[in-house]
């Protein structure tokens, strides 16, 4: 696994991000 920053942005421009450990392709 590796650290990834994962963000979701709404149409209103609000961003929510977190760091997750995800499998490395």
PDBML (XML) file of the C-alpha atoms, coordinates in Angstrom:
<?xml version="1.0" encoding="UTF-8" ?>
<PDBx:datablock datablockName="MODEL"
   xmlns:PDBx="http://pdbml.pdb.org/schema/pdbx-v50.xsd"
   xmlns:xsi="http://www.w3.org/2001/XMLSchema-instance"
   xsi:schemaLocation="http://pdbml.pdb.org/schema/pdbx-v50.xsd pdbx-v50.xsd">
   <PDBx:atom_siteCategory>
      <PDBx:atom_site id="1">
         <PDBx:B_iso_or_equiv>0.00</PDBx:B_iso_or_equiv>
         <PDBx:Cartn_x>0.000</PDBx:Cartn_x>
         <PDBx:Cartn_y>0.000</PDBx:Cartn_y>
         <PDBx:Cartn_z>0.000</PDBx:Cartn_z>
         <PDBx:auth_asym_id>A</PDBx:auth_asym_id>
         <PDBx:auth_atom_id>CA</PDBx:auth_atom_id>
         <PDBx:auth_comp_id>UNK</PDBx:auth_comp_id>
         <PDBx:auth_seq_id>1</PDBx:auth_seq_id>
         <PDBx:group_PDB>ATOM</PDBx:group_PDB>
         <PDBx:label_alt_id xsi:nil="true" />
         <PDBx:label_asym_id>A</PDBx:label_asym_id>
         <PDBx:label_atom_id>CA</PDBx:label_atom_id>
         <PDBx:label_comp_id>UNK</PDBx:label_comp_id>
         <PDBx:label_entity_id>1</PDBx:label_entity_id>
         <PDBx:label_seq_id>1</PDBx:label_seq_id>
         <PDBx:occupancy>1.00</PDBx:occupancy>
         <PDBx:pdbx_PDB_model_num>1</PDBx:pdbx_PDB_model_num>
         <PDBx:type_symbol>C</PDBx:type_symbol>
      </PDBx:atom_site>
      <PDBx:atom_site id="2">
         <PDBx:B_iso_or_equiv>0.00</PDBx:B_iso_or_equiv>
         <PDBx:Cartn_x>0.981</PDBx:Cartn_x>
         <PDBx:Cartn_y>3.637</PDBx:Cartn_y>
         <PDBx:Cartn_z>-0.390</PDBx:Cartn_z>
         <PDBx:auth_asym_id>A</PDBx:auth_asym_id>
         <PDBx:auth_atom_id>CA</PDBx:auth_atom_id>
         <PDBx:auth_comp_id>UNK</PDBx:auth_comp_id>
         <PDBx:auth_seq_id>2</PDBx:auth_seq_id>
         <PDBx:group_PDB>ATOM</PDBx:group_PDB>
         <PDBx:label_alt_id xsi:nil="true" />
         <PDBx:label_asym_id>A</PDBx:label_asym_id>
         <PDBx:label_atom_id>CA</PDBx:label_atom_id>
         <PDBx:label_comp_id>UNK</PDBx:label_comp_id>
         <PDBx:label_entity_id>1</PDBx:label_entity_id>
         <PDBx:label_seq_id>2</PDBx:label_seq_id>
         <PDBx:occupancy>1.00</PDBx:occupancy>
         <PDBx:pdbx_PDB_model_num>1</PDBx:pdbx_PDB_model_num>
         <PDBx:type_symbol>C</PDBx:type_symbol>
      </PDBx:atom_site>
      <PDBx:atom_site id="3">
         <PDBx:B_iso_or_equiv>0.00</PDBx:B_iso_or_equiv>
         <PDBx:Cartn_x>-0.302</PDBx:Cartn_x>
         <PDBx:Cartn_y>6.928</PDBx:Cartn_y>
         <PDBx:Cartn_z>0.939</PDBx:Cartn_z>
         <PDBx:auth_asym_id>A</PDBx:auth_asym_id>
         <PDBx:auth_atom_id>CA</PDBx:auth_atom_id>
         <PDBx:auth_comp_id>UNK</PDBx:auth_comp_id>
         <PDBx:auth_seq_id>3</PDBx:auth_seq_id>
         <PDBx:group_PDB>ATOM</PDBx:group_PDB>
         <PDBx:label_alt_id xsi:nil="true" />
         <PDBx:label_asym_id>A</PDBx:label_asym_id>
         <PDBx:label_atom_id>CA</PDBx:label_atom_id>
         <PDBx:label_comp_id>UNK</PDBx:label_comp_id>
         <PDBx:label_entity_id>1</PDBx:label_entity_id>
         <PDBx:label_seq_id>3</PDBx:label_seq_id>
         <PDBx:occupancy>1.00</PDBx:occupancy>
         <PDBx:pdbx_PDB_model_num>1</PDBx:pdbx_PDB_model_num>
         <PDBx:type_symbol>C</PDBx:type_symbol>
      </PDBx:atom_site>
      <PDBx:atom_site id="4">
         <PDBx:B_iso_or_equiv>0.00</PDBx:B_iso_or_equiv>
         <PDBx:Cartn_x>-2.782</PDBx:Cartn_x>
         <PDBx:Cartn_y>8.725</PDBx:Cartn_y>
         <PDBx:Cartn_z>-1.304</PDBx:Cartn_z>
         <PDBx:auth_asym_id>A</PDBx:auth_asym_id>
         <PDBx:auth_atom_id>CA</PDBx:auth_atom_id>
         <PDBx:auth_comp_id>UNK</PDBx:auth_comp_id>
         <PDBx:auth_seq_id>4</PDBx:auth_seq_id>
         <PDBx:group_PDB>ATOM</PDBx:group_PDB>
         <PDBx:label_alt_id xsi:nil="true" />
         <PDBx:label_asym_id>A</PDBx:label_asym_id>
         <PDBx:label_atom_id>CA</PDBx:label_atom_id>
         <PDBx:label_comp_id>UNK</PDBx:label_comp_id>
         <PDBx:label_entity_id>1</PDBx:label_entity_id>
         <PDBx:label_seq_id>4</PDBx:label_seq_id>
         <PDBx:occupancy>1.00</PDBx:occupancy>
         <PDBx:pdbx_PDB_model_num>1</PDBx:pdbx_PDB_model_num>
         <PDBx:type_symbol>C</PDBx:type_symbol>
      </PDBx:atom_site>
      <PDBx:atom_site id="5">
         <PDBx:B_iso_or_equiv>0.00</PDBx:B_iso_or_equiv>
         <PDBx:Cartn_x>-4.554</PDBx:Cartn_x>
         <PDBx:Cartn_y>12.028</PDBx:Cartn_y>
         <PDBx:Cartn_z>-0.819</PDBx:Cartn_z>
         <PDBx:auth_asym_id>A</PDBx:auth_asym_id>
         <PDBx:auth_atom_id>CA</PDBx:auth_atom_id>
         <PDBx:auth_comp_id>UNK</PDBx:auth_comp_id>
         <PDBx:auth_seq_id>5</PDBx:auth_seq_id>
         <PDBx:group_PDB>ATOM</PDBx:group_PDB>
         <PDBx:label_alt_id xsi:nil="true" />
         <PDBx:label_asym_id>A</PDBx:label_asym_id>
         <PDBx:label_atom_id>CA</PDBx:label_atom_id>
         <PDBx:label_comp_id>UNK</PDBx:label_comp_id>
         <PDBx:label_entity_id>1</PDBx:label_entity_id>
         <PDBx:label_seq_id>5</PDBx:label_seq_id>
         <PDBx:occupancy>1.00</PDBx:occupancy>
         <PDBx:pdbx_PDB_model_num>1</PDBx:pdbx_PDB_model_num>
         <PDBx:type_symbol>C</PDBx:type_symbol>
      </PDBx:atom_site>
      <PDBx:atom_site id="6">
         <PDBx:B_iso_or_equiv>0.00</PDBx:B_iso_or_equiv>
         <PDBx:Cartn_x>-8.231</PDBx:Cartn_x>
         <PDBx:Cartn_y>11.505</PDBx:Cartn_y>
         <PDBx:Cartn_z>-1.685</PDBx:Cartn_z>
         <PDBx:auth_asym_id>A</PDBx:auth_asym_id>
         <PDBx:auth_atom_id>CA</PDBx:auth_atom_id>
         <PDBx:auth_comp_id>UNK</PDBx:auth_comp_id>
         <PDBx:auth_seq_id>6</PDBx:auth_seq_id>
         <PDBx:group_PDB>ATOM</PDBx:group_PDB>
         <PDBx:label_alt_id xsi:nil="true" />
         <PDBx:label_asym_id>A</PDBx:label_asym_id>
         <PDBx:label_atom_id>CA</PDBx:label_atom_id>
         <PDBx:label_comp_id>UNK</PDBx:label_comp_id>
         <PDBx:label_entity_id>1</PDBx:label_entity_id>
         <PDBx:label_seq_id>6</PDBx:label_seq_id>
         <PDBx:occupancy>1.00</PDBx:occupancy>
         <PDBx:pdbx_PDB_model_num>1</PDBx:pdbx_PDB_model_num>
         <PDBx:type_symbol>C</PDBx:type_symbol>
      </PDBx:atom_site>
      <PDBx:atom_site id="7">
         <PDBx:B_iso_or_equiv>0.00</PDBx:B_iso_or_equiv>
         <PDBx:Cartn_x>-10.453</PDBx:Cartn_x>
         <PDBx:Cartn_y>14.545</PDBx:Cartn_y>
         <PDBx:Cartn_z>-2.249</PDBx:Cartn_z>
         <PDBx:auth_asym_id>A</PDBx:auth_asym_id>
         <PDBx:auth_atom_id>CA</PDBx:auth_atom_id>
         <PDBx:auth_comp_id>UNK</PDBx:auth_comp_id>
         <PDBx:auth_seq_id>7</PDBx:auth_seq_id>
         <PDBx:group_PDB>ATOM</PDBx:group_PDB>
         <PDBx:label_alt_id xsi:nil="true" />
         <PDBx:label_asym_id>A</PDBx:label_asym_id>
         <PDBx:label_atom_id>CA</PDBx:label_atom_id>
         <PDBx:label_comp_id>UNK</PDBx:label_comp_id>
         <PDBx:label_entity_id>1</PDBx:label_entity_id>
         <PDBx:label_seq_id>7</PDBx:label_seq_id>
         <PDBx:occupancy>1.00</PDBx:occupancy>
         <PDBx:pdbx_PDB_model_num>1</PDBx:pdbx_PDB_model_num>
         <PDBx:type_symbol>C</PDBx:type_symbol>
      </PDBx:atom_site>
      <PDBx:atom_site id="8">
         <PDBx:B_iso_or_equiv>0.00</PDBx:B_iso_or_equiv>
         <PDBx:Cartn_x>-14.057</PDBx:Cartn_x>
         <PDBx:Cartn_y>15.150</PDBx:Cartn_y>
         <PDBx:Cartn_z>-3.206</PDBx:Cartn_z>
         <PDBx:auth_asym_id>A</PDBx:auth_asym_id>
         <PDBx:auth_atom_id>CA</PDBx:auth_atom_id>
         <PDBx:auth_comp_id>UNK</PDBx:auth_comp_id>
         <PDBx:auth_seq_id>8</PDBx:auth_seq_id>
         <PDBx:group_PDB>ATOM</PDBx:group_PDB>
         <PDBx:label_alt_id xsi:nil="true" />
         <PDBx:label_asym_id>A</PDBx:label_asym_id>
         <PDBx:label_atom_id>CA</PDBx:label_atom_id>
         <PDBx:label_comp_id>UNK</PDBx:label_comp_id>
         <PDBx:label_entity_id>1</PDBx:label_entity_id>
         <PDBx:label_seq_id>8</PDBx:label_seq_id>
         <PDBx:occupancy>1.00</PDBx:occupancy>
         <PDBx:pdbx_PDB_model_num>1</PDBx:pdbx_PDB_model_num>
         <PDBx:type_symbol>C</PDBx:type_symbol>
      </PDBx:atom_site>
      <PDBx:atom_site id="9">
         <PDBx:B_iso_or_equiv>0.00</PDBx:B_iso_or_equiv>
         <PDBx:Cartn_x>-15.112</PDBx:Cartn_x>
         <PDBx:Cartn_y>18.548</PDBx:Cartn_y>
         <PDBx:Cartn_z>-4.535</PDBx:Cartn_z>
         <PDBx:auth_asym_id>A</PDBx:auth_asym_id>
         <PDBx:auth_atom_id>CA</PDBx:auth_atom_id>
         <PDBx:auth_comp_id>UNK</PDBx:auth_comp_id>
         <PDBx:auth_seq_id>9</PDBx:auth_seq_id>
         <PDBx:group_PDB>ATOM</PDBx:group_PDB>
         <PDBx:label_alt_id xsi:nil="true" />
         <PDBx:label_asym_id>A</PDBx:label_asym_id>
         <PDBx:label_atom_id>CA</PDBx:label_atom_id>
         <PDBx:label_comp_id>UNK</PDBx:label_comp_id>
         <PDBx:label_entity_id>1</PDBx:label_entity_id>
         <PDBx:label_seq_id>9</PDBx:label_seq_id>
         <PDBx:occupancy>1.00</PDBx:occupancy>
         <PDBx:pdbx_PDB_model_num>1</PDBx:pdbx_PDB_model_num>
         <PDBx:type_symbol>C</PDBx:type_symbol>
      </PDBx:atom_site>
      <PDBx:atom_site id="10">
         <PDBx:B_iso_or_equiv>0.00</PDBx:B_iso_or_equiv>
         <PDBx:Cartn_x>-18.727</PDBx:Cartn_x>
         <PDBx:Cartn_y>19.592</PDBx:Cartn_y>
         <PDBx:Cartn_z>-4.838</PDBx:Cartn_z>
         <PDBx:auth_asym_id>A</PDBx:auth_asym_id>
         <PDBx:auth_atom_id>CA</PDBx:auth_atom_id>
         <PDBx:auth_comp_id>UNK</PDBx:auth_comp_id>
         <PDBx:auth_seq_id>10</PDBx:auth_seq_id>
         <PDBx:group_PDB>ATOM</PDBx:group_PDB>
         <PDBx:label_alt_id xsi:nil="true" />
         <PDBx:label_asym_id>A</PDBx:label_asym_id>
         <PDBx:label_atom_id>CA</PDBx:label_atom_id>
         <PDBx:label_comp_id>UNK</PDBx:label_comp_id>
         <PDBx:label_entity_id>1</PDBx:label_entity_id>
         <PDBx:label_seq_id>10</PDBx:label_seq_id>
         <PDBx:occupancy>1.00</PDBx:occupancy>
         <PDBx:pdbx_PDB_model_num>1</PDBx:pdbx_PDB_model_num>
         <PDBx:type_symbol>C</PDBx:type_symbol>
      </PDBx:atom_site>
      <PDBx:atom_site id="11">
         <PDBx:B_iso_or_equiv>0.00</PDBx:B_iso_or_equiv>
         <PDBx:Cartn_x>-20.087</PDBx:Cartn_x>
         <PDBx:Cartn_y>21.898</PDBx:Cartn_y>
         <PDBx:Cartn_z>-7.535</PDBx:Cartn_z>
         <PDBx:auth_asym_id>A</PDBx:auth_asym_id>
         <PDBx:auth_atom_id>CA</PDBx:auth_atom_id>
         <PDBx:auth_comp_id>UNK</PDBx:auth_comp_id>
         <PDBx:auth_seq_id>11</PDBx:auth_seq_id>
         <PDBx:group_PDB>ATOM</PDBx:group_PDB>
         <PDBx:label_alt_id xsi:nil="true" />
         <PDBx:label_asym_id>A</PDBx:label_asym_id>
         <PDBx:label_atom_id>CA</PDBx:label_atom_id>
         <PDBx:label_comp_id>UNK</PDBx:label_comp_id>
         <PDBx:label_entity_id>1</PDBx:label_entity_id>
         <PDBx:label_seq_id>11</PDBx:label_seq_id>
         <PDBx:occupancy>1.00</PDBx:occupancy>
         <PDBx:pdbx_PDB_model_num>1</PDBx:pdbx_PDB_model_num>
         <PDBx:type_symbol>C</PDBx:type_symbol>
      </PDBx:atom_site>
      <PDBx:atom_site id="12">
         <PDBx:B_iso_or_equiv>0.00</PDBx:B_iso_or_equiv>
         <PDBx:Cartn_x>-20.134</PDBx:Cartn_x>
         <PDBx:Cartn_y>24.581</PDBx:Cartn_y>
         <PDBx:Cartn_z>-4.847</PDBx:Cartn_z>
         <PDBx:auth_asym_id>A</PDBx:auth_asym_id>
         <PDBx:auth_atom_id>CA</PDBx:auth_atom_id>
         <PDBx:auth_comp_id>UNK</PDBx:auth_comp_id>
         <PDBx:auth_seq_id>12</PDBx:auth_seq_id>
         <PDBx:group_PDB>ATOM</PDBx:group_PDB>
         <PDBx:label_alt_id xsi:nil="true" />
         <PDBx:label_asym_id>A</PDBx:label_asym_id>
         <PDBx:label_atom_id>CA</PDBx:label_atom_id>
         <PDBx:label_comp_id>UNK</PDBx:label_comp_id>
         <PDBx:label_entity_id>1</PDBx:label_entity_id>
         <PDBx:label_seq_id>12</PDBx:label_seq_id>
         <PDBx:occupancy>1.00</PDBx:occupancy>
         <PDBx:pdbx_PDB_model_num>1</PDBx:pdbx_PDB_model_num>
         <PDBx:type_symbol>C</PDBx:type_symbol>
      </PDBx:atom_site>
      <PDBx:atom_site id="13">
         <PDBx:B_iso_or_equiv>0.00</PDBx:B_iso_or_equiv>
         <PDBx:Cartn_x>-16.319</PDBx:Cartn_x>
         <PDBx:Cartn_y>24.325</PDBx:Cartn_y>
         <PDBx:Cartn_z>-4.686</PDBx:Cartn_z>
         <PDBx:auth_asym_id>A</PDBx:auth_asym_id>
         <PDBx:auth_atom_id>CA</PDBx:auth_atom_id>
         <PDBx:auth_comp_id>UNK</PDBx:auth_comp_id>
         <PDBx:auth_seq_id>13</PDBx:auth_seq_id>
         <PDBx:group_PDB>ATOM</PDBx:group_PDB>
         <PDBx:label_alt_id xsi:nil="true" />
         <PDBx:label_asym_id>A</PDBx:label_asym_id>
         <PDBx:label_atom_id>CA</PDBx:label_atom_id>
         <PDBx:label_comp_id>UNK</PDBx:label_comp_id>
         <PDBx:label_entity_id>1</PDBx:label_entity_id>
         <PDBx:label_seq_id>13</PDBx:label_seq_id>
         <PDBx:occupancy>1.00</PDBx:occupancy>
         <PDBx:pdbx_PDB_model_num>1</PDBx:pdbx_PDB_model_num>
         <PDBx:type_symbol>C</PDBx:type_symbol>
      </PDBx:atom_site>
      <PDBx:atom_site id="14">
         <PDBx:B_iso_or_equiv>0.00</PDBx:B_iso_or_equiv>
         <PDBx:Cartn_x>-16.148</PDBx:Cartn_x>
         <PDBx:Cartn_y>22.709</PDBx:Cartn_y>
         <PDBx:Cartn_z>-1.243</PDBx:Cartn_z>
         <PDBx:auth_asym_id>A</PDBx:auth_asym_id>
         <PDBx:auth_atom_id>CA</PDBx:auth_atom_id>
         <PDBx:auth_comp_id>UNK</PDBx:auth_comp_id>
         <PDBx:auth_seq_id>14</PDBx:auth_seq_id>
         <PDBx:group_PDB>ATOM</PDBx:group_PDB>
         <PDBx:label_alt_id xsi:nil="true" />
         <PDBx:label_asym_id>A</PDBx:label_asym_id>
         <PDBx:label_atom_id>CA</PDBx:label_atom_id>
         <PDBx:label_comp_id>UNK</PDBx:label_comp_id>
         <PDBx:label_entity_id>1</PDBx:label_entity_id>
         <PDBx:label_seq_id>14</PDBx:label_seq_id>
         <PDBx:occupancy>1.00</PDBx:occupancy>
         <PDBx:pdbx_PDB_model_num>1</PDBx:pdbx_PDB_model_num>
         <PDBx:type_symbol>C</PDBx:type_symbol>
      </PDBx:atom_site>
      <PDBx:atom_site id="15">
         <PDBx:B_iso_or_equiv>0.00</PDBx:B_iso_or_equiv>
         <PDBx:Cartn_x>-13.237</PDBx:Cartn_x>
         <PDBx:Cartn_y>20.255</PDBx:Cartn_y>
         <PDBx:Cartn_z>-1.033</PDBx:Cartn_z>
         <PDBx:auth_asym_id>A</PDBx:auth_asym_id>
         <PDBx:auth_atom_id>CA</PDBx:auth_atom_id>
         <PDBx:auth_comp_id>UNK</PDBx:auth_comp_id>
         <PDBx:auth_seq_id>15</PDBx:auth_seq_id>
         <PDBx:group_PDB>ATOM</PDBx:group_PDB>
         <PDBx:label_alt_id xsi:nil="true" />
         <PDBx:label_asym_id>A</PDBx:label_asym_id>
         <PDBx:label_atom_id>CA</PDBx:label_atom_id>
         <PDBx:label_comp_id>UNK</PDBx:label_comp_id>
         <PDBx:label_entity_id>1</PDBx:label_entity_id>
         <PDBx:label_seq_id>15</PDBx:label_seq_id>
         <PDBx:occupancy>1.00</PDBx:occupancy>
         <PDBx:pdbx_PDB_model_num>1</PDBx:pdbx_PDB_model_num>
         <PDBx:type_symbol>C</PDBx:type_symbol>
      </PDBx:atom_site>
      <PDBx:atom_site id="16">
         <PDBx:B_iso_or_equiv>0.00</PDBx:B_iso_or_equiv>
         <PDBx:Cartn_x>-12.912</PDBx:Cartn_x>
         <PDBx:Cartn_y>17.498</PDBx:Cartn_y>
         <PDBx:Cartn_z>1.537</PDBx:Cartn_z>
         <PDBx:auth_asym_id>A</PDBx:auth_asym_id>
         <PDBx:auth_atom_id>CA</PDBx:auth_atom_id>
         <PDBx:auth_comp_id>UNK</PDBx:auth_comp_id>
         <PDBx:auth_seq_id>16</PDBx:auth_seq_id>
         <PDBx:group_PDB>ATOM</PDBx:group_PDB>
         <PDBx:label_alt_id xsi:nil="true" />
         <PDBx:label_asym_id>A</PDBx:label_asym_id>
         <PDBx:label_atom_id>CA</PDBx:label_atom_id>
         <PDBx:label_comp_id>UNK</PDBx:label_comp_id>
         <PDBx:label_entity_id>1</PDBx:label_entity_id>
         <PDBx:label_seq_id>16</PDBx:label_seq_id>
         <PDBx:occupancy>1.00</PDBx:occupancy>
         <PDBx:pdbx_PDB_model_num>1</PDBx:pdbx_PDB_model_num>
         <PDBx:type_symbol>C</PDBx:type_symbol>
      </PDBx:atom_site>
      <PDBx:atom_site id="17">
         <PDBx:B_iso_or_equiv>0.00</PDBx:B_iso_or_equiv>
         <PDBx:Cartn_x>-9.625</PDBx:Cartn_x>
         <PDBx:Cartn_y>15.618</PDBx:Cartn_y>
         <PDBx:Cartn_z>1.547</PDBx:Cartn_z>
         <PDBx:auth_asym_id>A</PDBx:auth_asym_id>
         <PDBx:auth_atom_id>CA</PDBx:auth_atom_id>
         <PDBx:auth_comp_id>UNK</PDBx:auth_comp_id>
         <PDBx:auth_seq_id>17</PDBx:auth_seq_id>
         <PDBx:group_PDB>ATOM</PDBx:group_PDB>
         <PDBx:label_alt_id xsi:nil="true" />
         <PDBx:label_asym_id>A</PDBx:label_asym_id>
         <PDBx:label_atom_id>CA</PDBx:label_atom_id>
         <PDBx:label_comp_id>UNK</PDBx:label_comp_id>
         <PDBx:label_entity_id>1</PDBx:label_entity_id>
         <PDBx:label_seq_id>17</PDBx:label_seq_id>
         <PDBx:occupancy>1.00</PDBx:occupancy>
         <PDBx:pdbx_PDB_model_num>1</PDBx:pdbx_PDB_model_num>
         <PDBx:type_symbol>C</PDBx:type_symbol>
      </PDBx:atom_site>
      <PDBx:atom_site id="18">
         <PDBx:B_iso_or_equiv>0.00</PDBx:B_iso_or_equiv>
         <PDBx:Cartn_x>-8.050</PDBx:Cartn_x>
         <PDBx:Cartn_y>12.858</PDBx:Cartn_y>
         <PDBx:Cartn_z>3.594</PDBx:Cartn_z>
         <PDBx:auth_asym_id>A</PDBx:auth_asym_id>
         <PDBx:auth_atom_id>CA</PDBx:auth_atom_id>
         <PDBx:auth_comp_id>UNK</PDBx:auth_comp_id>
         <PDBx:auth_seq_id>18</PDBx:auth_seq_id>
         <PDBx:group_PDB>ATOM</PDBx:group_PDB>
         <PDBx:label_alt_id xsi:nil="true" />
         <PDBx:label_asym_id>A</PDBx:label_asym_id>
         <PDBx:label_atom_id>CA</PDBx:label_atom_id>
         <PDBx:label_comp_id>UNK</PDBx:label_comp_id>
         <PDBx:label_entity_id>1</PDBx:label_entity_id>
         <PDBx:label_seq_id>18</PDBx:label_seq_id>
         <PDBx:occupancy>1.00</PDBx:occupancy>
         <PDBx:pdbx_PDB_model_num>1</PDBx:pdbx_PDB_model_num>
         <PDBx:type_symbol>C</PDBx:type_symbol>
      </PDBx:atom_site>
      <PDBx:atom_site id="19">
         <PDBx:B_iso_or_equiv>0.00</PDBx:B_iso_or_equiv>
         <PDBx:Cartn_x>-4.925</PDBx:Cartn_x>
         <PDBx:Cartn_y>10.730</PDBx:Cartn_y>
         <PDBx:Cartn_z>3.400</PDBx:Cartn_z>
         <PDBx:auth_asym_id>A</PDBx:auth_asym_id>
         <PDBx:auth_atom_id>CA</PDBx:auth_atom_id>
         <PDBx:auth_comp_id>UNK</PDBx:auth_comp_id>
         <PDBx:auth_seq_id>19</PDBx:auth_seq_id>
         <PDBx:group_PDB>ATOM</PDBx:group_PDB>
         <PDBx:label_alt_id xsi:nil="true" />
         <PDBx:label_asym_id>A</PDBx:label_asym_id>
         <PDBx:label_atom_id>CA</PDBx:label_atom_id>
         <PDBx:label_comp_id>UNK</PDBx:label_comp_id>
         <PDBx:label_entity_id>1</PDBx:label_entity_id>
         <PDBx:label_seq_id>19</PDBx:label_seq_id>
         <PDBx:occupancy>1.00</PDBx:occupancy>
         <PDBx:pdbx_PDB_model_num>1</PDBx:pdbx_PDB_model_num>
         <PDBx:type_symbol>C</PDBx:type_symbol>
      </PDBx:atom_site>
      <PDBx:atom_site id="20">
         <PDBx:B_iso_or_equiv>0.00</PDBx:B_iso_or_equiv>
         <PDBx:Cartn_x>-5.558</PDBx:Cartn_x>
         <PDBx:Cartn_y>6.995</PDBx:Cartn_y>
         <PDBx:Cartn_z>2.956</PDBx:Cartn_z>
         <PDBx:auth_asym_id>A</PDBx:auth_asym_id>
         <PDBx:auth_atom_id>CA</PDBx:auth_atom_id>
         <PDBx:auth_comp_id>UNK</PDBx:auth_comp_id>
         <PDBx:auth_seq_id>20</PDBx:auth_seq_id>
         <PDBx:group_PDB>ATOM</PDBx:group_PDB>
         <PDBx:label_alt_id xsi:nil="true" />
         <PDBx:label_asym_id>A</PDBx:label_asym_id>
         <PDBx:label_atom_id>CA</PDBx:label_atom_id>
         <PDBx:label_comp_id>UNK</PDBx:label_comp_id>
         <PDBx:label_entity_id>1</PDBx:label_entity_id>
         <PDBx:label_seq_id>20</PDBx:label_seq_id>
         <PDBx:occupancy>1.00</PDBx:occupancy>
         <PDBx:pdbx_PDB_model_num>1</PDBx:pdbx_PDB_model_num>
         <PDBx:type_symbol>C</PDBx:type_symbol>
      </PDBx:atom_site>
      <PDBx:atom_site id="21">
         <PDBx:B_iso_or_equiv>0.00</PDBx:B_iso_or_equiv>
         <PDBx:Cartn_x>-3.319</PDBx:Cartn_x>
         <PDBx:Cartn_y>3.992</PDBx:Cartn_y>
         <PDBx:Cartn_z>2.448</PDBx:Cartn_z>
         <PDBx:auth_asym_id>A</PDBx:auth_asym_id>
         <PDBx:auth_atom_id>CA</PDBx:auth_atom_id>
         <PDBx:auth_comp_id>UNK</PDBx:auth_comp_id>
         <PDBx:auth_seq_id>21</PDBx:auth_seq_id>
         <PDBx:group_PDB>ATOM</PDBx:group_PDB>
         <PDBx:label_alt_id xsi:nil="true" />
         <PDBx:label_asym_id>A</PDBx:label_asym_id>
         <PDBx:label_atom_id>CA</PDBx:label_atom_id>
         <PDBx:label_comp_id>UNK</PDBx:label_comp_id>
         <PDBx:label_entity_id>1</PDBx:label_entity_id>
         <PDBx:label_seq_id>21</PDBx:label_seq_id>
         <PDBx:occupancy>1.00</PDBx:occupancy>
         <PDBx:pdbx_PDB_model_num>1</PDBx:pdbx_PDB_model_num>
         <PDBx:type_symbol>C</PDBx:type_symbol>
      </PDBx:atom_site>
      <PDBx:atom_site id="22">
         <PDBx:B_iso_or_equiv>0.00</PDBx:B_iso_or_equiv>
         <PDBx:Cartn_x>-4.516</PDBx:Cartn_x>
         <PDBx:Cartn_y>2.262</PDBx:Cartn_y>
         <PDBx:Cartn_z>-0.727</PDBx:Cartn_z>
         <PDBx:auth_asym_id>A</PDBx:auth_asym_id>
         <PDBx:auth_atom_id>CA</PDBx:auth_atom_id>
         <PDBx:auth_comp_id>UNK</PDBx:auth_comp_id>
         <PDBx:auth_seq_id>22</PDBx:auth_seq_id>
         <PDBx:group_PDB>ATOM</PDBx:group_PDB>
         <PDBx:label_alt_id xsi:nil="true" />
         <PDBx:label_asym_id>A</PDBx:label_asym_id>
         <PDBx:label_atom_id>CA</PDBx:label_atom_id>
         <PDBx:label_comp_id>UNK</PDBx:label_comp_id>
         <PDBx:label_entity_id>1</PDBx:label_entity_id>
         <PDBx:label_seq_id>22</PDBx:label_seq_id>
         <PDBx:occupancy>1.00</PDBx:occupancy>
         <PDBx:pdbx_PDB_model_num>1</PDBx:pdbx_PDB_model_num>
         <PDBx:type_symbol>C</PDBx:type_symbol>
      </PDBx:atom_site>
      <PDBx:atom_site id="23">
         <PDBx:B_iso_or_equiv>0.00</PDBx:B_iso_or_equiv>
         <PDBx:Cartn_x>-3.158</PDBx:Cartn_x>
         <PDBx:Cartn_y>-0.733</PDBx:Cartn_y>
         <PDBx:Cartn_z>-2.644</PDBx:Cartn_z>
         <PDBx:auth_asym_id>A</PDBx:auth_asym_id>
         <PDBx:auth_atom_id>CA</PDBx:auth_atom_id>
         <PDBx:auth_comp_id>UNK</PDBx:auth_comp_id>
         <PDBx:auth_seq_id>23</PDBx:auth_seq_id>
         <PDBx:group_PDB>ATOM</PDBx:group_PDB>
         <PDBx:label_alt_id xsi:nil="true" />
         <PDBx:label_asym_id>A</PDBx:label_asym_id>
         <PDBx:label_atom_id>CA</PDBx:label_atom_id>
         <PDBx:label_comp_id>UNK</PDBx:label_comp_id>
         <PDBx:label_entity_id>1</PDBx:label_entity_id>
         <PDBx:label_seq_id>23</PDBx:label_seq_id>
         <PDBx:occupancy>1.00</PDBx:occupancy>
         <PDBx:pdbx_PDB_model_num>1</PDBx:pdbx_PDB_model_num>
         <PDBx:type_symbol>C</PDBx:type_symbol>
      </PDBx:atom_site>
      <PDBx:atom_site id="24">
         <PDBx:B_iso_or_equiv>0.00</PDBx:B_iso_or_equiv>
         <PDBx:Cartn_x>-0.426</PDBx:Cartn_x>
         <PDBx:Cartn_y>0.148</PDBx:Cartn_y>
         <PDBx:Cartn_z>-5.116</PDBx:Cartn_z>
         <PDBx:auth_asym_id>A</PDBx:auth_asym_id>
         <PDBx:auth_atom_id>CA</PDBx:auth_atom_id>
         <PDBx:auth_comp_id>UNK</PDBx:auth_comp_id>
         <PDBx:auth_seq_id>24</PDBx:auth_seq_id>
         <PDBx:group_PDB>ATOM</PDBx:group_PDB>
         <PDBx:label_alt_id xsi:nil="true" />
         <PDBx:label_asym_id>A</PDBx:label_asym_id>
         <PDBx:label_atom_id>CA</PDBx:label_atom_id>
         <PDBx:label_comp_id>UNK</PDBx:label_comp_id>
         <PDBx:label_entity_id>1</PDBx:label_entity_id>
         <PDBx:label_seq_id>24</PDBx:label_seq_id>
         <PDBx:occupancy>1.00</PDBx:occupancy>
         <PDBx:pdbx_PDB_model_num>1</PDBx:pdbx_PDB_model_num>
         <PDBx:type_symbol>C</PDBx:type_symbol>
      </PDBx:atom_site>
      <PDBx:atom_site id="25">
         <PDBx:B_iso_or_equiv>0.00</PDBx:B_iso_or_equiv>
         <PDBx:Cartn_x>-1.367</PDBx:Cartn_x>
         <PDBx:Cartn_y>-0.842</PDBx:Cartn_y>
         <PDBx:Cartn_z>-8.661</PDBx:Cartn_z>
         <PDBx:auth_asym_id>A</PDBx:auth_asym_id>
         <PDBx:auth_atom_id>CA</PDBx:auth_atom_id>
         <PDBx:auth_comp_id>UNK</PDBx:auth_comp_id>
         <PDBx:auth_seq_id>25</PDBx:auth_seq_id>
         <PDBx:group_PDB>ATOM</PDBx:group_PDB>
         <PDBx:label_alt_id xsi:nil="true" />
         <PDBx:label_asym_id>A</PDBx:label_asym_id>
         <PDBx:label_atom_id>CA</PDBx:label_atom_id>
         <PDBx:label_comp_id>UNK</PDBx:label_comp_id>
         <PDBx:label_entity_id>1</PDBx:label_entity_id>
         <PDBx:label_seq_id>25</PDBx:label_seq_id>
         <PDBx:occupancy>1.00</PDBx:occupancy>
         <PDBx:pdbx_PDB_model_num>1</PDBx:pdbx_PDB_model_num>
         <PDBx:type_symbol>C</PDBx:type_symbol>
      </PDBx:atom_site>
   </PDBx:atom_siteCategory>
</PDBx:datablock>
